[in-house]
Amino acid sequence: MTPATSARRYRTPPTVARELAVNVSKVLCWIRSGQLVAINVVERLGGRPRWRIAIADLEAFLASRTARPATKTTRRRRKADPQVIEFF
């Protein structure tokens, strides 16, 4: 696998932010909260994280946040109480 091939399989948070037209801090918030799966490729632990997001994980994240049409709720009519007289 060449570096160019592996670079196509992963995105950085700034790249994802540009694609989704959101701020980079929003993408990092999704990563920290666990909503968006990312890999930390930093060389030493304890350093500044360098996140990479797999394209498959990004697609799964977007699919989970896709709006779905609301189900139509049916209104239930109240049964008339035979002992109550309503005046209009």
N, C-alpha and C. Protein backbone atom coordinates (compact mmCIF):
# COMPACT_ATOMS: atom_id res chain seq x y z
N MET A 1 0.85 -1.17 0.00
CA MET A 1 0.00 0.00 0.00
C MET A 1 0.90 1.23 0.00
N THR A 2 0.70 2.10 -0.92
CA THR A 2 1.50 3.32 -1.03
C THR A 2 0.92 4.41 -0.14
N PRO A 3 1.71 5.41 0.23
CA PRO A 3 1.18 6.50 1.05
C PRO A 3 0.00 7.23 0.40
N ALA A 4 0.03 7.34 -0.91
CA ALA A 4 -1.07 8.02 -1.60
C ALA A 4 -2.37 7.22 -1.46
N THR A 5 -2.25 5.88 -1.48
CA THR A 5 -3.42 5.03 -1.34
C THR A 5 -3.98 5.11 0.07
N SER A 6 -3.11 5.09 1.08
CA SER A 6 -3.60 5.14 2.45
C SER A 6 -4.16 6.52 2.78
N ALA A 7 -3.64 7.58 2.14
CA ALA A 7 -4.15 8.93 2.39
C ALA A 7 -5.57 9.07 1.86
N ARG A 8 -5.92 8.33 0.86
CA ARG A 8 -7.29 8.41 0.31
C ARG A 8 -8.30 7.72 1.21
N ARG A 9 -7.84 6.80 2.06
CA ARG A 9 -8.75 6.06 2.93
C ARG A 9 -9.05 6.79 4.23
N TYR A 10 -8.25 7.81 4.54
CA TYR A 10 -8.41 8.55 5.79
C TYR A 10 -8.52 10.03 5.53
N ARG A 11 -9.22 10.72 6.42
CA ARG A 11 -9.37 12.17 6.33
C ARG A 11 -8.90 12.77 7.66
N THR A 12 -8.41 13.99 7.60
CA THR A 12 -8.05 14.73 8.81
C THR A 12 -9.27 15.54 9.25
N PRO A 13 -9.32 15.95 10.52
CA PRO A 13 -10.46 16.78 10.95
C PRO A 13 -10.66 18.05 10.12
N PRO A 14 -9.59 18.79 9.74
CA PRO A 14 -9.84 19.96 8.89
C PRO A 14 -10.46 19.61 7.53
N THR A 15 -10.06 18.48 6.96
CA THR A 15 -10.63 18.05 5.68
C THR A 15 -12.11 17.72 5.83
N VAL A 16 -12.44 16.99 6.91
CA VAL A 16 -13.84 16.63 7.16
C VAL A 16 -14.66 17.90 7.41
N ALA A 17 -14.08 18.84 8.14
CA ALA A 17 -14.79 20.09 8.43
C ALA A 17 -15.09 20.86 7.14
N ARG A 18 -14.14 20.90 6.22
CA ARG A 18 -14.38 21.57 4.93
C ARG A 18 -15.46 20.86 4.13
N GLU A 19 -15.41 19.52 4.12
CA GLU A 19 -16.40 18.76 3.36
C GLU A 19 -17.82 18.96 3.90
N LEU A 20 -17.94 19.09 5.23
CA LEU A 20 -19.25 19.21 5.84
C LEU A 20 -19.66 20.66 6.10
N ALA A 21 -18.76 21.59 5.79
CA ALA A 21 -19.00 23.03 5.99
C ALA A 21 -19.30 23.35 7.45
N VAL A 22 -18.49 22.78 8.34
CA VAL A 22 -18.59 23.07 9.77
C VAL A 22 -17.21 23.48 10.27
N ASN A 23 -17.15 23.94 11.52
CA ASN A 23 -15.89 24.34 12.12
C ASN A 23 -15.10 23.09 12.55
N VAL A 24 -13.78 23.19 12.54
CA VAL A 24 -12.93 22.07 12.94
C VAL A 24 -13.21 21.67 14.39
N SER A 25 -13.49 22.65 15.24
CA SER A 25 -13.78 22.34 16.63
C SER A 25 -15.01 21.45 16.77
N LYS A 26 -15.97 21.57 15.86
CA LYS A 26 -17.16 20.73 15.89
C LYS A 26 -16.79 19.28 15.59
N VAL A 27 -15.90 19.07 14.62
CA VAL A 27 -15.45 17.72 14.27
C VAL A 27 -14.70 17.12 15.46
N LEU A 28 -13.83 17.91 16.10
CA LEU A 28 -13.09 17.43 17.26
C LEU A 28 -14.03 17.11 18.41
N CYS A 29 -15.09 17.86 18.56
CA CYS A 29 -16.09 17.60 19.60
C CYS A 29 -16.78 16.26 19.33
N TRP A 30 -17.12 15.98 18.08
CA TRP A 30 -17.72 14.70 17.73
C TRP A 30 -16.77 13.55 18.05
N ILE A 31 -15.47 13.75 17.80
CA ILE A 31 -14.48 12.71 18.08
C ILE A 31 -14.38 12.49 19.59
N ARG A 32 -14.26 13.58 20.36
CA ARG A 32 -14.11 13.46 21.82
C ARG A 32 -15.33 12.82 22.46
N SER A 33 -16.52 13.09 21.92
CA SER A 33 -17.75 12.53 22.50
C SER A 33 -17.99 11.09 22.08
N GLY A 34 -17.22 10.60 21.10
CA GLY A 34 -17.37 9.22 20.65
C GLY A 34 -18.38 9.04 19.53
N GLN A 35 -18.97 10.12 19.06
CA GLN A 35 -19.94 10.02 17.97
C GLN A 35 -19.25 9.69 16.65
N LEU A 36 -18.06 10.23 16.46
CA LEU A 36 -17.28 10.02 15.23
C LEU A 36 -16.02 9.25 15.60
N VAL A 37 -15.84 8.08 15.00
CA VAL A 37 -14.69 7.24 15.30
C VAL A 37 -13.48 7.77 14.56
N ALA A 38 -12.36 7.93 15.31
CA ALA A 38 -11.13 8.43 14.72
C ALA A 38 -9.94 7.69 15.34
N ILE A 39 -8.82 7.71 14.65
CA ILE A 39 -7.60 7.05 15.09
C ILE A 39 -6.57 8.12 15.40
N ASN A 40 -5.91 7.99 16.55
CA ASN A 40 -4.85 8.91 16.93
C ASN A 40 -3.53 8.34 16.43
N VAL A 41 -2.89 9.00 15.49
CA VAL A 41 -1.65 8.50 14.89
C VAL A 41 -0.41 9.21 15.42
N VAL A 42 -0.49 9.79 16.62
CA VAL A 42 0.66 10.48 17.20
C VAL A 42 1.75 9.45 17.50
N GLU A 43 3.00 9.87 17.38
CA GLU A 43 4.12 8.95 17.60
C GLU A 43 4.32 8.64 19.08
N ARG A 44 4.20 9.65 19.95
CA ARG A 44 4.37 9.44 21.39
C ARG A 44 3.06 9.71 22.10
N LEU A 45 2.70 8.82 23.02
CA LEU A 45 1.49 9.04 23.79
C LEU A 45 1.69 10.23 24.72
N GLY A 46 0.66 10.95 24.95
CA GLY A 46 0.73 12.13 25.80
C GLY A 46 0.96 13.41 25.02
N GLY A 47 1.28 13.28 23.75
CA GLY A 47 1.46 14.44 22.90
C GLY A 47 0.14 14.94 22.35
N ARG A 48 0.22 15.96 21.54
CA ARG A 48 -0.98 16.50 20.90
C ARG A 48 -1.55 15.48 19.94
N PRO A 49 -2.83 15.17 20.04
CA PRO A 49 -3.41 14.13 19.16
C PRO A 49 -3.41 14.55 17.70
N ARG A 50 -3.18 13.59 16.85
CA ARG A 50 -3.27 13.78 15.40
C ARG A 50 -4.29 12.77 14.90
N TRP A 51 -5.50 13.23 14.72
CA TRP A 51 -6.61 12.36 14.38
C TRP A 51 -6.69 12.07 12.89
N ARG A 52 -7.06 10.83 12.57
CA ARG A 52 -7.37 10.42 11.21
C ARG A 52 -8.71 9.69 11.25
N ILE A 53 -9.56 10.02 10.30
CA ILE A 53 -10.91 9.47 10.26
C ILE A 53 -11.04 8.61 9.01
N ALA A 54 -11.37 7.35 9.20
CA ALA A 54 -11.56 6.44 8.07
C ALA A 54 -12.82 6.85 7.32
N ILE A 55 -12.78 6.71 6.02
CA ILE A 55 -13.91 7.09 5.18
C ILE A 55 -15.15 6.27 5.56
N ALA A 56 -14.95 4.98 5.85
CA ALA A 56 -16.09 4.13 6.23
C ALA A 56 -16.71 4.62 7.54
N ASP A 57 -15.88 5.05 8.50
CA ASP A 57 -16.41 5.57 9.76
C ASP A 57 -17.13 6.89 9.55
N LEU A 58 -16.62 7.72 8.65
CA LEU A 58 -17.28 8.99 8.35
C LEU A 58 -18.64 8.73 7.70
N GLU A 59 -18.71 7.77 6.78
CA GLU A 59 -19.98 7.45 6.13
C GLU A 59 -20.98 6.89 7.13
N ALA A 60 -20.51 6.07 8.08
CA ALA A 60 -21.41 5.53 9.11
C ALA A 60 -21.92 6.64 10.02
N PHE A 61 -21.06 7.59 10.35
CA PHE A 61 -21.45 8.73 11.17
C PHE A 61 -22.52 9.55 10.46
N LEU A 62 -22.30 9.83 9.19
CA LEU A 62 -23.26 10.63 8.43
C LEU A 62 -24.59 9.89 8.27
N ALA A 63 -24.52 8.57 8.09
CA ALA A 63 -25.76 7.80 7.95
C ALA A 63 -26.55 7.81 9.25
N SER A 64 -25.85 7.81 10.39
CA SER A 64 -26.57 7.82 11.67
C SER A 64 -27.22 9.17 11.94
N ARG A 65 -26.75 10.23 11.29
CA ARG A 65 -27.29 11.56 11.52
C ARG A 65 -28.23 12.02 10.40
N THR A 66 -28.54 11.14 9.48
CA THR A 66 -29.42 11.48 8.38
C THR A 66 -30.85 11.63 8.88
N ALA A 67 -31.52 12.66 8.42
CA ALA A 67 -32.90 12.89 8.82
C ALA A 67 -33.81 11.87 8.15
N ARG A 68 -34.73 11.36 8.92
CA ARG A 68 -35.69 10.41 8.40
C ARG A 68 -37.08 11.03 8.49
N PRO A 69 -37.96 10.71 7.57
CA PRO A 69 -39.31 11.27 7.64
C PRO A 69 -40.00 10.79 8.91
N ALA A 70 -40.71 11.70 9.54
CA ALA A 70 -41.42 11.37 10.77
C ALA A 70 -42.58 10.44 10.48
N THR A 71 -42.81 9.54 11.40
CA THR A 71 -43.96 8.65 11.23
C THR A 71 -45.22 9.41 11.57
N LYS A 72 -46.25 9.16 10.81
CA LYS A 72 -47.50 9.87 11.02
C LYS A 72 -48.20 9.29 12.24
N THR A 73 -48.52 10.15 13.17
CA THR A 73 -49.23 9.69 14.36
C THR A 73 -50.72 9.82 14.13
N THR A 74 -51.45 8.85 14.61
CA THR A 74 -52.90 8.88 14.47
C THR A 74 -53.48 9.42 15.76
N ARG A 75 -54.38 10.35 15.62
CA ARG A 75 -55.02 10.93 16.79
C ARG A 75 -56.15 10.02 17.24
N ARG A 76 -56.17 9.78 18.51
CA ARG A 76 -57.24 8.95 19.07
C ARG A 76 -58.33 9.85 19.63
N ARG A 77 -59.53 9.52 19.29
CA ARG A 77 -60.67 10.29 19.79
C ARG A 77 -61.04 9.78 21.18
N ARG A 78 -61.42 10.74 21.99
CA ARG A 78 -61.88 10.36 23.32
C ARG A 78 -63.26 9.74 23.21
N LYS A 79 -63.44 8.75 24.00
CA LYS A 79 -64.78 8.16 24.06
C LYS A 79 -65.65 9.06 24.92
N ALA A 80 -66.83 9.26 24.45
CA ALA A 80 -67.76 10.11 25.19
C ALA A 80 -68.25 9.35 26.42
N ASP A 81 -68.16 10.02 27.54
CA ASP A 81 -68.65 9.43 28.78
C ASP A 81 -70.18 9.60 28.81
N PRO A 82 -70.93 8.52 28.93
CA PRO A 82 -72.39 8.65 28.87
C PRO A 82 -72.97 9.45 30.03
N GLN A 83 -72.25 9.63 31.12
CA GLN A 83 -72.79 10.36 32.25
C GLN A 83 -72.46 11.84 32.21
N VAL A 84 -71.63 12.27 31.24
CA VAL A 84 -71.25 13.68 31.14
C VAL A 84 -72.03 14.33 30.02
N ILE A 85 -72.65 15.47 30.34
CA ILE A 85 -73.38 16.20 29.33
C ILE A 85 -72.55 17.43 28.98
N GLU A 86 -72.18 17.55 27.70
CA GLU A 86 -71.38 18.70 27.27
C GLU A 86 -72.28 19.75 26.64
N PHE A 87 -72.05 20.98 27.05
CA PHE A 87 -72.82 22.09 26.48
C PHE A 87 -71.89 22.93 25.63
N PHE A 88 -72.30 23.26 24.44
CA PHE A 88 -71.47 24.07 23.55
C PHE A 88 -72.08 25.39 23.32
